Amino acid sequence: MRLPLWLKLTWTLWLLVWAPLYWHQYGAQNFLFFCDLGNILIDLGLWLESPLIFSWQACSLLVFQSLYIIDLLAAFVTRHHPIGGTEYMFDAHIPLLVRLLSLFHLVTPPLLLWLIARLGYDYRGWKLAALATWIVVLINYFWRPGDDVNFARGLFFREQHTFPGWFYLLLYFTLVPALVYWPTHRFLLWFSQRFEKRRATI
């Protein structure tokens, strides 16, 4: 066993609390947000001890969740959202417990980096991230489009009307893998190599 049992049990138990409360508050479509889907996949990865799953989720989540953290911390200090996307964390109409459960965004990036440092990086991760984006965002585009899950209809939960829908999706499917997943992939290759010799001696 390369990963501690307490981590696997803790993440699973937290998931069992988080998922029903999120479902009740936001509905089923919310679990197709990359960050929420990532929680489930990370749990699977923990039990399987799968570098591929962790690499996939790191390529998919590191940039966006880091931006989330920056926006949340900035808003907490200055009451201003420089990026956007965390306004709901300050919405008193949402139960406090549900908002506190969203603090998993603060944990996910360092956890994924630690897991990759421990198990290694699978170079196929960015390809899986791109494939999952093409599938999930296409579902988001047609299923409950008013929720604009993963910005499938437009940025920052506002449907865009600048381009035809098909062209917006084409840009999405091209630019996100090229400008987010691929650079993250290159970073993770470098990051993993720093720990490769250390892993070999364990």
N, C-alpha and C. Protein backbone atom coordinates (compact mmCIF):
# COMPACT_ATOMS: atom_id res chain seq x y z
N MET A 1 0.85 -1.19 0.00
CA MET A 1 0.00 0.00 0.00
C MET A 1 0.89 1.24 0.00
N ARG A 2 0.77 2.06 -1.06
CA ARG A 2 1.62 3.24 -1.19
C ARG A 2 0.97 4.50 -0.63
N LEU A 3 -0.33 4.46 -0.41
CA LEU A 3 -1.05 5.60 0.14
C LEU A 3 -1.65 5.21 1.48
N PRO A 4 -1.65 6.12 2.45
CA PRO A 4 -2.13 5.76 3.80
C PRO A 4 -3.63 5.47 3.82
N LEU A 5 -3.99 4.47 4.59
CA LEU A 5 -5.39 4.07 4.70
C LEU A 5 -6.23 5.19 5.28
N TRP A 6 -5.68 5.95 6.22
CA TRP A 6 -6.47 7.02 6.84
C TRP A 6 -6.91 8.04 5.80
N LEU A 7 -6.06 8.32 4.79
CA LEU A 7 -6.42 9.28 3.75
C LEU A 7 -7.57 8.75 2.90
N LYS A 8 -7.50 7.49 2.55
CA LYS A 8 -8.57 6.88 1.74
C LYS A 8 -9.89 6.90 2.50
N LEU A 9 -9.85 6.54 3.77
CA LEU A 9 -11.08 6.51 4.56
C LEU A 9 -11.63 7.91 4.80
N THR A 10 -10.74 8.85 5.08
CA THR A 10 -11.18 10.23 5.33
C THR A 10 -11.85 10.83 4.11
N TRP A 11 -11.22 10.65 2.93
CA TRP A 11 -11.81 11.22 1.71
C TRP A 11 -13.15 10.56 1.39
N THR A 12 -13.24 9.26 1.60
CA THR A 12 -14.49 8.55 1.32
C THR A 12 -15.60 8.99 2.27
N LEU A 13 -15.28 9.10 3.55
CA LEU A 13 -16.29 9.52 4.52
C LEU A 13 -16.74 10.95 4.25
N TRP A 14 -15.78 11.81 3.90
CA TRP A 14 -16.14 13.19 3.57
C TRP A 14 -17.05 13.21 2.35
N LEU A 15 -16.75 12.37 1.36
CA LEU A 15 -17.56 12.30 0.15
C LEU A 15 -19.00 11.89 0.47
N LEU A 16 -19.15 10.98 1.42
CA LEU A 16 -20.48 10.51 1.80
C LEU A 16 -21.30 11.60 2.48
N VAL A 17 -20.64 12.56 3.10
CA VAL A 17 -21.33 13.71 3.68
C VAL A 17 -21.57 14.77 2.62
N TRP A 18 -20.56 15.07 1.84
CA TRP A 18 -20.60 16.14 0.85
C TRP A 18 -21.62 15.90 -0.25
N ALA A 19 -21.63 14.70 -0.82
CA ALA A 19 -22.45 14.44 -2.01
C ALA A 19 -23.95 14.62 -1.76
N PRO A 20 -24.53 14.05 -0.71
CA PRO A 20 -25.98 14.25 -0.50
C PRO A 20 -26.35 15.71 -0.25
N LEU A 21 -25.52 16.43 0.50
CA LEU A 21 -25.83 17.83 0.78
C LEU A 21 -25.73 18.68 -0.48
N TYR A 22 -24.74 18.41 -1.29
CA TYR A 22 -24.61 19.14 -2.56
C TYR A 22 -25.76 18.81 -3.50
N TRP A 23 -26.14 17.55 -3.56
CA TRP A 23 -27.25 17.14 -4.42
C TRP A 23 -28.53 17.87 -4.00
N HIS A 24 -28.77 17.92 -2.70
CA HIS A 24 -29.98 18.59 -2.19
C HIS A 24 -29.95 20.08 -2.48
N GLN A 25 -28.80 20.70 -2.35
CA GLN A 25 -28.69 22.15 -2.52
C GLN A 25 -28.69 22.56 -3.99
N TYR A 26 -27.96 21.83 -4.83
CA TYR A 26 -27.70 22.29 -6.19
C TYR A 26 -28.31 21.43 -7.29
N GLY A 27 -28.62 20.17 -6.99
CA GLY A 27 -29.16 19.28 -8.01
C GLY A 27 -28.09 18.41 -8.66
N ALA A 28 -28.55 17.44 -9.44
CA ALA A 28 -27.65 16.44 -10.01
C ALA A 28 -26.65 17.04 -10.99
N GLN A 29 -27.08 18.06 -11.73
CA GLN A 29 -26.19 18.62 -12.75
C GLN A 29 -24.90 19.19 -12.16
N ASN A 30 -24.94 19.55 -10.88
CA ASN A 30 -23.77 20.16 -10.25
C ASN A 30 -22.59 19.20 -10.19
N PHE A 31 -22.87 17.89 -10.22
CA PHE A 31 -21.80 16.91 -10.13
C PHE A 31 -21.03 16.77 -11.44
N LEU A 32 -21.46 17.50 -12.46
CA LEU A 32 -20.70 17.53 -13.71
C LEU A 32 -19.74 18.70 -13.76
N PHE A 33 -19.74 19.57 -12.76
CA PHE A 33 -18.64 20.52 -12.67
C PHE A 33 -17.35 19.73 -12.52
N PHE A 34 -16.31 20.17 -13.21
CA PHE A 34 -15.05 19.43 -13.18
C PHE A 34 -14.54 19.23 -11.76
N CYS A 35 -14.70 20.26 -10.92
CA CYS A 35 -14.19 20.17 -9.55
C CYS A 35 -14.97 19.14 -8.74
N ASP A 36 -16.30 19.08 -8.94
CA ASP A 36 -17.12 18.14 -8.20
C ASP A 36 -16.94 16.72 -8.72
N LEU A 37 -16.89 16.57 -10.02
CA LEU A 37 -16.60 15.27 -10.61
C LEU A 37 -15.22 14.79 -10.15
N GLY A 38 -14.30 15.75 -10.01
CA GLY A 38 -12.96 15.41 -9.56
C GLY A 38 -12.94 14.79 -8.17
N ASN A 39 -13.83 15.24 -7.28
CA ASN A 39 -13.87 14.66 -5.94
C ASN A 39 -14.13 13.16 -5.99
N ILE A 40 -15.05 12.76 -6.85
CA ILE A 40 -15.39 11.34 -6.98
C ILE A 40 -14.23 10.57 -7.61
N LEU A 41 -13.62 11.15 -8.63
CA LEU A 41 -12.52 10.46 -9.30
C LEU A 41 -11.29 10.37 -8.40
N ILE A 42 -11.05 11.39 -7.59
CA ILE A 42 -9.93 11.32 -6.65
C ILE A 42 -10.15 10.19 -5.66
N ASP A 43 -11.37 10.02 -5.19
CA ASP A 43 -11.65 8.92 -4.27
C ASP A 43 -11.36 7.57 -4.93
N LEU A 44 -11.80 7.43 -6.19
CA LEU A 44 -11.51 6.20 -6.93
C LEU A 44 -10.00 6.02 -7.07
N GLY A 45 -9.31 7.12 -7.39
CA GLY A 45 -7.86 7.05 -7.55
C GLY A 45 -7.15 6.67 -6.27
N LEU A 46 -7.66 7.13 -5.13
CA LEU A 46 -7.03 6.80 -3.86
C LEU A 46 -7.09 5.30 -3.59
N TRP A 47 -8.25 4.70 -3.84
CA TRP A 47 -8.39 3.27 -3.55
C TRP A 47 -7.63 2.43 -4.57
N LEU A 48 -7.58 2.90 -5.82
CA LEU A 48 -6.84 2.16 -6.84
C LEU A 48 -5.35 2.50 -6.84
N GLU A 49 -4.99 3.57 -6.13
CA GLU A 49 -3.63 4.09 -6.14
C GLU A 49 -3.15 4.29 -7.58
N SER A 50 -3.96 5.05 -8.31
CA SER A 50 -3.79 5.20 -9.75
C SER A 50 -3.11 6.51 -10.13
N PRO A 51 -1.86 6.48 -10.58
CA PRO A 51 -1.22 7.71 -11.08
C PRO A 51 -1.96 8.32 -12.27
N LEU A 52 -2.59 7.47 -13.09
CA LEU A 52 -3.30 7.98 -14.26
C LEU A 52 -4.47 8.86 -13.85
N ILE A 53 -5.25 8.42 -12.88
CA ILE A 53 -6.40 9.22 -12.44
C ILE A 53 -5.93 10.53 -11.82
N PHE A 54 -4.90 10.47 -11.00
CA PHE A 54 -4.41 11.69 -10.36
C PHE A 54 -3.80 12.65 -11.40
N SER A 55 -3.12 12.12 -12.38
CA SER A 55 -2.54 12.95 -13.44
C SER A 55 -3.64 13.61 -14.26
N TRP A 56 -4.67 12.85 -14.57
CA TRP A 56 -5.83 13.37 -15.31
C TRP A 56 -6.47 14.52 -14.53
N GLN A 57 -6.71 14.29 -13.25
CA GLN A 57 -7.37 15.32 -12.46
C GLN A 57 -6.47 16.53 -12.22
N ALA A 58 -5.17 16.32 -12.10
CA ALA A 58 -4.26 17.45 -11.92
C ALA A 58 -4.24 18.33 -13.16
N CYS A 59 -4.18 17.72 -14.33
CA CYS A 59 -4.21 18.50 -15.58
C CYS A 59 -5.51 19.28 -15.69
N SER A 60 -6.60 18.67 -15.25
CA SER A 60 -7.92 19.27 -15.38
C SER A 60 -8.17 20.37 -14.35
N LEU A 61 -7.64 20.20 -13.13
CA LEU A 61 -8.09 21.03 -12.01
C LEU A 61 -7.09 22.03 -11.48
N LEU A 62 -5.80 21.78 -11.63
CA LEU A 62 -4.83 22.62 -10.92
C LEU A 62 -4.97 24.10 -11.23
N VAL A 63 -5.06 24.45 -12.51
CA VAL A 63 -5.13 25.86 -12.88
C VAL A 63 -6.43 26.49 -12.39
N PHE A 64 -7.54 25.84 -12.67
CA PHE A 64 -8.83 26.44 -12.34
C PHE A 64 -9.05 26.51 -10.83
N GLN A 65 -8.65 25.48 -10.11
CA GLN A 65 -8.85 25.53 -8.66
C GLN A 65 -7.87 26.49 -8.01
N SER A 66 -6.70 26.68 -8.59
CA SER A 66 -5.77 27.69 -8.06
C SER A 66 -6.36 29.09 -8.25
N LEU A 67 -6.98 29.34 -9.40
CA LEU A 67 -7.65 30.62 -9.62
C LEU A 67 -8.80 30.81 -8.63
N TYR A 68 -9.51 29.71 -8.35
CA TYR A 68 -10.59 29.76 -7.36
C TYR A 68 -10.03 30.19 -6.01
N ILE A 69 -8.92 29.59 -5.61
CA ILE A 69 -8.31 29.90 -4.32
C ILE A 69 -7.91 31.38 -4.27
N ILE A 70 -7.29 31.86 -5.34
CA ILE A 70 -6.88 33.27 -5.39
C ILE A 70 -8.08 34.19 -5.23
N ASP A 71 -9.14 33.87 -5.96
CA ASP A 71 -10.34 34.72 -5.90
C ASP A 71 -10.98 34.68 -4.52
N LEU A 72 -11.05 33.48 -3.92
CA LEU A 72 -11.68 33.35 -2.61
C LEU A 72 -10.88 34.11 -1.55
N LEU A 73 -9.57 33.94 -1.54
CA LEU A 73 -8.75 34.61 -0.54
C LEU A 73 -8.78 36.13 -0.72
N ALA A 74 -8.74 36.56 -1.99
CA ALA A 74 -8.80 38.00 -2.25
C ALA A 74 -10.13 38.58 -1.79
N ALA A 75 -11.21 37.86 -2.05
CA ALA A 75 -12.53 38.34 -1.64
C ALA A 75 -12.67 38.35 -0.12
N PHE A 76 -12.05 37.39 0.53
CA PHE A 76 -12.11 37.33 1.99
C PHE A 76 -11.39 38.53 2.62
N VAL A 77 -10.30 38.93 1.99
CA VAL A 77 -9.51 40.03 2.53
C VAL A 77 -10.04 41.39 2.10
N THR A 78 -10.40 41.51 0.82
CA THR A 78 -10.74 42.82 0.26
C THR A 78 -12.22 43.01 -0.05
N ARG A 79 -13.00 41.91 0.03
CA ARG A 79 -14.41 41.94 -0.37
C ARG A 79 -14.58 42.22 -1.86
N HIS A 80 -13.55 41.96 -2.61
CA HIS A 80 -13.60 42.15 -4.07
C HIS A 80 -13.17 40.85 -4.73
N HIS A 81 -13.88 40.46 -5.80
CA HIS A 81 -13.58 39.24 -6.53
C HIS A 81 -12.81 39.59 -7.80
N PRO A 82 -11.48 39.47 -7.79
CA PRO A 82 -10.71 39.88 -8.97
C PRO A 82 -10.91 38.97 -10.18
N ILE A 83 -11.30 37.72 -9.93
CA ILE A 83 -11.50 36.77 -11.03
C ILE A 83 -12.97 36.41 -11.17
N GLY A 84 -13.62 36.12 -10.07
CA GLY A 84 -15.02 35.71 -10.09
C GLY A 84 -15.15 34.21 -9.95
N GLY A 85 -16.34 33.78 -9.54
CA GLY A 85 -16.61 32.36 -9.41
C GLY A 85 -16.78 31.91 -7.98
N THR A 86 -16.43 32.76 -7.02
CA THR A 86 -16.59 32.37 -5.61
C THR A 86 -17.62 33.23 -4.89
N GLU A 87 -18.39 33.97 -5.63
CA GLU A 87 -19.38 34.85 -5.00
C GLU A 87 -20.35 34.08 -4.11
N TYR A 88 -20.68 32.85 -4.53
CA TYR A 88 -21.64 32.05 -3.76
C TYR A 88 -21.14 31.74 -2.34
N MET A 89 -19.84 31.79 -2.14
CA MET A 89 -19.29 31.49 -0.82
C MET A 89 -19.66 32.56 0.20
N PHE A 90 -20.12 33.71 -0.27
CA PHE A 90 -20.49 34.81 0.61
C PHE A 90 -22.00 35.06 0.57
N ASP A 91 -22.74 34.13 -0.02
CA ASP A 91 -24.19 34.25 -0.17
C ASP A 91 -24.88 33.64 1.05
N ALA A 92 -25.48 34.49 1.87
CA ALA A 92 -26.11 34.02 3.10
C ALA A 92 -27.33 33.15 2.84
N HIS A 93 -27.84 33.15 1.60
CA HIS A 93 -28.99 32.31 1.28
C HIS A 93 -28.59 30.84 1.15
N ILE A 94 -27.32 30.57 0.98
CA ILE A 94 -26.82 29.20 0.91
C ILE A 94 -26.41 28.78 2.31
N PRO A 95 -26.88 27.61 2.77
CA PRO A 95 -26.53 27.18 4.14
C PRO A 95 -25.02 27.20 4.38
N LEU A 96 -24.65 27.62 5.56
CA LEU A 96 -23.23 27.75 5.90
C LEU A 96 -22.49 26.42 5.74
N LEU A 97 -23.12 25.33 6.15
CA LEU A 97 -22.46 24.02 6.05
C LEU A 97 -22.12 23.70 4.60
N VAL A 98 -23.04 23.99 3.69
CA VAL A 98 -22.79 23.72 2.27
C VAL A 98 -21.62 24.56 1.77
N ARG A 99 -21.58 25.83 2.20
CA ARG A 99 -20.46 26.68 1.78
C ARG A 99 -19.14 26.19 2.37
N LEU A 100 -19.16 25.74 3.62
CA LEU A 100 -17.94 25.23 4.22
C LEU A 100 -17.44 23.98 3.51
N LEU A 101 -18.37 23.16 3.03
CA LEU A 101 -17.96 21.97 2.29
C LEU A 101 -17.26 22.33 0.99
N SER A 102 -17.52 23.53 0.47
CA SER A 102 -16.84 23.97 -0.75
C SER A 102 -15.37 24.29 -0.53
N LEU A 103 -14.94 24.29 0.72
CA LEU A 103 -13.53 24.56 1.00
C LEU A 103 -12.63 23.42 0.52
N PHE A 104 -13.22 22.34 -0.01
CA PHE A 104 -12.40 21.30 -0.61
C PHE A 104 -11.54 21.86 -1.74
N HIS A 105 -11.98 22.98 -2.35
CA HIS A 105 -11.18 23.60 -3.40
C HIS A 105 -9.79 24.00 -2.91
N LEU A 106 -9.68 24.29 -1.62
CA LEU A 106 -8.39 24.68 -1.06
C LEU A 106 -7.47 23.47 -0.88
N VAL A 107 -8.07 22.31 -0.74
CA VAL A 107 -7.31 21.08 -0.44
C VAL A 107 -6.86 20.37 -1.71
N THR A 108 -7.69 20.42 -2.74
CA THR A 108 -7.45 19.59 -3.93
C THR A 108 -6.11 19.84 -4.61
N PRO A 109 -5.70 21.11 -4.90
CA PRO A 109 -4.41 21.29 -5.58
C PRO A 109 -3.21 20.73 -4.82
N PRO A 110 -3.03 21.06 -3.52
CA PRO A 110 -1.87 20.47 -2.83
C PRO A 110 -1.96 18.95 -2.70
N LEU A 111 -3.18 18.42 -2.55
CA LEU A 111 -3.35 16.97 -2.46
C LEU A 111 -2.91 16.30 -3.76
N LEU A 112 -3.34 16.84 -4.90
CA LEU A 112 -2.96 16.24 -6.17
C LEU A 112 -1.46 16.32 -6.41
N LEU A 113 -0.85 17.43 -6.04
CA LEU A 113 0.60 17.54 -6.21
C LEU A 113 1.32 16.54 -5.30
N TRP A 114 0.84 16.36 -4.09
CA TRP A 114 1.45 15.39 -3.18
C TRP A 114 1.30 13.97 -3.73
N LEU A 115 0.14 13.66 -4.28
CA LEU A 115 -0.10 12.32 -4.82
C LEU A 115 0.81 12.05 -6.02
N ILE A 116 0.99 13.05 -6.87
CA ILE A 116 1.87 12.87 -8.03
C ILE A 116 3.33 12.77 -7.59
N ALA A 117 3.70 13.55 -6.58
CA ALA A 117 5.06 13.44 -6.05
C ALA A 117 5.31 12.05 -5.48
N ARG A 118 4.29 11.45 -4.94
CA ARG A 118 4.43 10.13 -4.30
C ARG A 118 4.35 8.99 -5.30
N LEU A 119 3.41 9.09 -6.27
CA LEU A 119 3.17 7.97 -7.18
C LEU A 119 3.73 8.18 -8.58
N GLY A 120 4.05 9.41 -8.92
CA GLY A 120 4.53 9.70 -10.26
C GLY A 120 3.43 10.27 -11.16
N TYR A 121 3.87 10.81 -12.29
CA TYR A 121 2.94 11.42 -13.24
C TYR A 121 2.80 10.53 -14.47
N ASP A 122 1.58 10.33 -14.90
CA ASP A 122 1.29 9.57 -16.12
C ASP A 122 1.06 10.55 -17.26
N TYR A 123 1.89 10.47 -18.29
CA TYR A 123 1.84 11.46 -19.38
C TYR A 123 0.53 11.46 -20.13
N ARG A 124 -0.30 10.41 -19.94
CA ARG A 124 -1.61 10.36 -20.61
C ARG A 124 -2.65 11.24 -19.92
N GLY A 125 -2.28 11.83 -18.78
CA GLY A 125 -3.25 12.59 -18.00
C GLY A 125 -3.89 13.72 -18.77
N TRP A 126 -3.09 14.48 -19.52
CA TRP A 126 -3.65 15.64 -20.22
C TRP A 126 -4.57 15.20 -21.34
N LYS A 127 -4.30 14.04 -21.95
CA LYS A 127 -5.18 13.53 -23.01
C LYS A 127 -6.54 13.13 -22.44
N LEU A 128 -6.52 12.49 -21.27
CA LEU A 128 -7.79 12.14 -20.63
C LEU A 128 -8.55 13.39 -20.21
N ALA A 129 -7.82 14.42 -19.75
CA ALA A 129 -8.47 15.67 -19.36
C ALA A 129 -9.17 16.30 -20.57
N ALA A 130 -8.50 16.29 -21.72
CA ALA A 130 -9.10 16.85 -22.93
C ALA A 130 -10.32 16.04 -23.36
N LEU A 131 -10.19 14.72 -23.36
CA LEU A 131 -11.31 13.87 -23.77
C LEU A 131 -12.50 14.06 -22.85
N ALA A 132 -12.26 14.10 -21.55
CA ALA A 132 -13.35 14.29 -20.59
C ALA A 132 -14.02 15.64 -20.80
N THR A 133 -13.24 16.67 -21.12
CA THR A 133 -13.80 18.00 -21.37
C THR A 133 -14.73 17.96 -22.57
N TRP A 134 -14.31 17.32 -23.63
CA TRP A 134 -15.15 17.25 -24.83
C TRP A 134 -16.48 16.55 -24.54
N ILE A 135 -16.44 15.52 -23.71
CA ILE A 135 -17.66 14.76 -23.40
C ILE A 135 -18.54 15.53 -22.40
N VAL A 136 -17.94 15.96 -21.30
CA VAL A 136 -18.72 16.56 -20.21
C VAL A 136 -19.31 17.90 -20.63
N VAL A 137 -18.52 18.75 -21.29
CA VAL A 137 -19.02 20.07 -21.68
C VAL A 137 -20.13 19.95 -22.73
N LEU A 138 -20.02 18.95 -23.60
CA LEU A 138 -21.09 18.73 -24.57
C LEU A 138 -22.39 18.36 -23.87
N ILE A 139 -22.29 17.53 -22.82
CA ILE A 139 -23.47 17.21 -22.02
C ILE A 139 -24.00 18.48 -21.35
N ASN A 140 -23.09 19.27 -20.76
CA ASN A 140 -23.49 20.52 -20.10
C ASN A 140 -24.19 21.47 -21.07
N TYR A 141 -23.77 21.47 -22.31
CA TYR A 141 -24.34 22.40 -23.29
C TYR A 141 -25.83 22.11 -23.53
N PHE A 142 -26.19 20.83 -23.49
CA PHE A 142 -27.57 20.46 -23.81
C PHE A 142 -28.42 20.17 -22.58
N TRP A 143 -27.81 19.71 -21.49
CA TRP A 143 -28.58 19.34 -20.30
C TRP A 143 -28.59 20.51 -19.32
N ARG A 144 -29.78 21.02 -19.07
CA ARG A 144 -29.98 22.17 -18.19
C ARG A 144 -29.05 23.32 -18.58
N PRO A 145 -29.18 23.79 -19.81
CA PRO A 145 -28.25 24.83 -20.30
C PRO A 145 -28.29 26.11 -19.49
N GLY A 146 -29.41 26.39 -18.83
CA GLY A 146 -29.51 27.61 -18.05
C GLY A 146 -28.54 27.66 -16.88
N ASP A 147 -28.06 26.50 -16.42
CA ASP A 147 -27.11 26.47 -15.31
C ASP A 147 -25.69 26.77 -15.77
N ASP A 148 -25.44 26.67 -17.07
CA ASP A 148 -24.13 26.99 -17.65
C ASP A 148 -22.99 26.30 -16.89
N VAL A 149 -23.18 25.00 -16.62
CA VAL A 149 -22.17 24.23 -15.89
C VAL A 149 -20.88 24.19 -16.72
N ASN A 150 -19.76 24.44 -16.06
CA ASN A 150 -18.44 24.49 -16.71
C ASN A 150 -18.36 25.52 -17.83
N PHE A 151 -19.20 26.54 -17.74
CA PHE A 151 -19.20 27.61 -18.75
C PHE A 151 -19.47 27.06 -20.15
N ALA A 152 -20.31 26.04 -20.22
CA ALA A 152 -20.60 25.41 -21.51
C ALA A 152 -21.34 26.34 -22.46
N ARG A 153 -22.03 27.35 -21.92
CA ARG A 153 -22.77 28.29 -22.76
C ARG A 153 -22.15 29.67 -22.80
N GLY A 154 -21.21 29.94 -21.92
CA GLY A 154 -20.57 31.24 -21.87
C GLY A 154 -19.80 31.40 -20.59
N LEU A 155 -18.89 32.36 -20.56
CA LEU A 155 -18.03 32.54 -19.40
C LEU A 155 -18.78 33.14 -18.23
N PHE A 156 -18.40 32.70 -17.04
CA PHE A 156 -18.89 33.27 -15.78
C PHE A 156 -20.41 33.24 -15.69
N PHE A 157 -20.98 32.10 -16.12
CA PHE A 157 -22.41 31.83 -15.96
C PHE A 157 -23.30 32.82 -16.71
N ARG A 158 -22.76 33.36 -17.79
CA ARG A 158 -23.57 34.22 -18.68
C ARG A 158 -23.49 33.66 -20.08
N GLU A 159 -24.63 33.31 -20.65
CA GLU A 159 -24.62 32.74 -21.99
C GLU A 159 -24.10 33.77 -22.99
N GLN A 160 -23.15 33.35 -23.81
CA GLN A 160 -22.55 34.25 -24.78
C GLN A 160 -23.38 34.24 -26.07
N HIS A 161 -23.39 35.37 -26.74
CA HIS A 161 -24.11 35.50 -28.02
C HIS A 161 -23.21 36.08 -29.10
N THR A 162 -21.91 36.12 -28.82
CA THR A 162 -20.96 36.66 -29.80
C THR A 162 -20.75 35.70 -30.95
N PHE A 163 -20.69 34.39 -30.64
CA PHE A 163 -20.45 33.37 -31.65
C PHE A 163 -21.62 32.40 -31.70
N PRO A 164 -21.79 31.71 -32.83
CA PRO A 164 -22.73 30.58 -32.83
C PRO A 164 -22.29 29.54 -31.80
N GLY A 165 -23.25 28.82 -31.25
CA GLY A 165 -22.94 27.86 -30.21
C GLY A 165 -21.89 26.85 -30.60
N TRP A 166 -21.97 26.34 -31.82
CA TRP A 166 -21.02 25.32 -32.26
C TRP A 166 -19.61 25.87 -32.33
N PHE A 167 -19.49 27.17 -32.70
CA PHE A 167 -18.16 27.77 -32.81
C PHE A 167 -17.58 28.04 -31.42
N TYR A 168 -18.44 28.43 -30.48
CA TYR A 168 -17.99 28.62 -29.10
C TYR A 168 -17.46 27.31 -28.53
N LEU A 169 -18.19 26.21 -28.78
CA LEU A 169 -17.74 24.91 -28.30
C LEU A 169 -16.41 24.52 -28.95
N LEU A 170 -16.27 24.80 -30.24
CA LEU A 170 -15.03 24.48 -30.93
C LEU A 170 -13.86 25.23 -30.31
N LEU A 171 -14.07 26.52 -30.00
CA LEU A 171 -13.02 27.28 -29.33
C LEU A 171 -12.71 26.69 -27.96
N TYR A 172 -13.74 26.35 -27.23
CA TYR A 172 -13.58 25.76 -25.90
C TYR A 172 -12.76 24.48 -25.98
N PHE A 173 -13.17 23.58 -26.89
CA PHE A 173 -12.53 22.27 -27.00
C PHE A 173 -11.09 22.38 -27.50
N THR A 174 -10.76 23.48 -28.14
CA THR A 174 -9.40 23.66 -28.66
C THR A 174 -8.52 24.41 -27.67
N LEU A 175 -9.03 25.54 -27.16
CA LEU A 175 -8.20 26.43 -26.35
C LEU A 175 -7.91 25.90 -24.95
N VAL A 176 -8.90 25.27 -24.32
CA VAL A 176 -8.67 24.78 -22.96
C VAL A 176 -7.59 23.70 -22.93
N PRO A 177 -7.67 22.68 -23.79
CA PRO A 177 -6.55 21.72 -23.79
C PRO A 177 -5.21 22.34 -24.17
N ALA A 178 -5.23 23.27 -25.13
CA ALA A 178 -3.96 23.84 -25.61
C ALA A 178 -3.35 24.82 -24.62
N LEU A 179 -4.18 25.64 -23.97
CA LEU A 179 -3.66 26.71 -23.13
C LEU A 179 -3.67 26.38 -21.63
N VAL A 180 -4.40 25.34 -21.25
CA VAL A 180 -4.47 24.96 -19.83
C VAL A 180 -3.87 23.57 -19.60
N TYR A 181 -4.43 22.56 -20.26
CA TYR A 181 -4.02 21.19 -19.96
C TYR A 181 -2.59 20.89 -20.41
N TRP A 182 -2.22 21.34 -21.62
CA TRP A 182 -0.88 21.05 -22.12
C TRP A 182 0.20 21.73 -21.27
N PRO A 183 0.10 23.03 -20.97
CA PRO A 183 1.11 23.63 -20.08
C PRO A 183 1.15 22.98 -18.70
N THR A 184 -0.01 22.61 -18.17
CA THR A 184 -0.03 21.91 -16.87
C THR A 184 0.67 20.56 -16.99
N HIS A 185 0.43 19.88 -18.08
CA HIS A 185 1.11 18.61 -18.36
C HIS A 185 2.62 18.78 -18.35
N ARG A 186 3.11 19.81 -19.01
CA ARG A 186 4.56 20.04 -19.04
C ARG A 186 5.10 20.36 -17.64
N PHE A 187 4.35 21.14 -16.89
CA PHE A 187 4.76 21.45 -15.52
C PHE A 187 4.82 20.18 -14.67
N LEU A 188 3.81 19.33 -14.82
CA LEU A 188 3.75 18.13 -13.99
C LEU A 188 4.85 17.13 -14.37
N LEU A 189 5.21 17.08 -15.63
CA LEU A 189 6.35 16.26 -16.02
C LEU A 189 7.61 16.72 -15.29
N TRP A 190 7.84 18.03 -15.31
CA TRP A 190 9.00 18.59 -14.61
C TRP A 190 8.90 18.34 -13.12
N PHE A 191 7.72 18.58 -12.55
CA PHE A 191 7.51 18.41 -11.11
C PHE A 191 7.76 16.97 -10.69
N SER A 192 7.24 16.03 -11.46
CA SER A 192 7.38 14.63 -11.11
C SER A 192 8.83 14.16 -11.18
N GLN A 193 9.56 14.68 -12.15
CA GLN A 193 10.96 14.28 -12.31
C GLN A 193 11.80 14.67 -11.09
N ARG A 194 11.39 15.74 -10.43
CA ARG A 194 12.11 16.17 -9.22
C ARG A 194 12.03 15.13 -8.11
N PHE A 195 10.95 14.33 -8.11
CA PHE A 195 10.75 13.35 -7.05
C PHE A 195 11.05 11.93 -7.50
N GLU A 196 11.43 11.78 -8.75
CA GLU A 196 11.61 10.43 -9.31
C GLU A 196 12.71 9.67 -8.58
N LYS A 197 13.84 10.29 -8.36
CA LYS A 197 14.94 9.61 -7.68
C LYS A 197 14.57 9.27 -6.23
N ARG A 198 13.83 10.18 -5.61
CA ARG A 198 13.41 9.93 -4.23
C ARG A 198 12.48 8.74 -4.16
N ARG A 199 11.52 8.64 -5.12
CA ARG A 199 10.60 7.50 -5.12
C ARG A 199 11.35 6.20 -5.33
N ALA A 200 12.39 6.23 -6.16
CA ALA A 200 13.14 5.01 -6.48
C ALA A 200 13.86 4.45 -5.26
N THR A 201 14.13 5.30 -4.28
CA THR A 201 14.86 4.85 -3.10
C THR A 201 13.94 4.40 -1.97
N ILE A 202 12.64 4.63 -2.15
CA ILE A 202 11.67 4.26 -1.09
C ILE A 202 11.31 2.78 -1.19
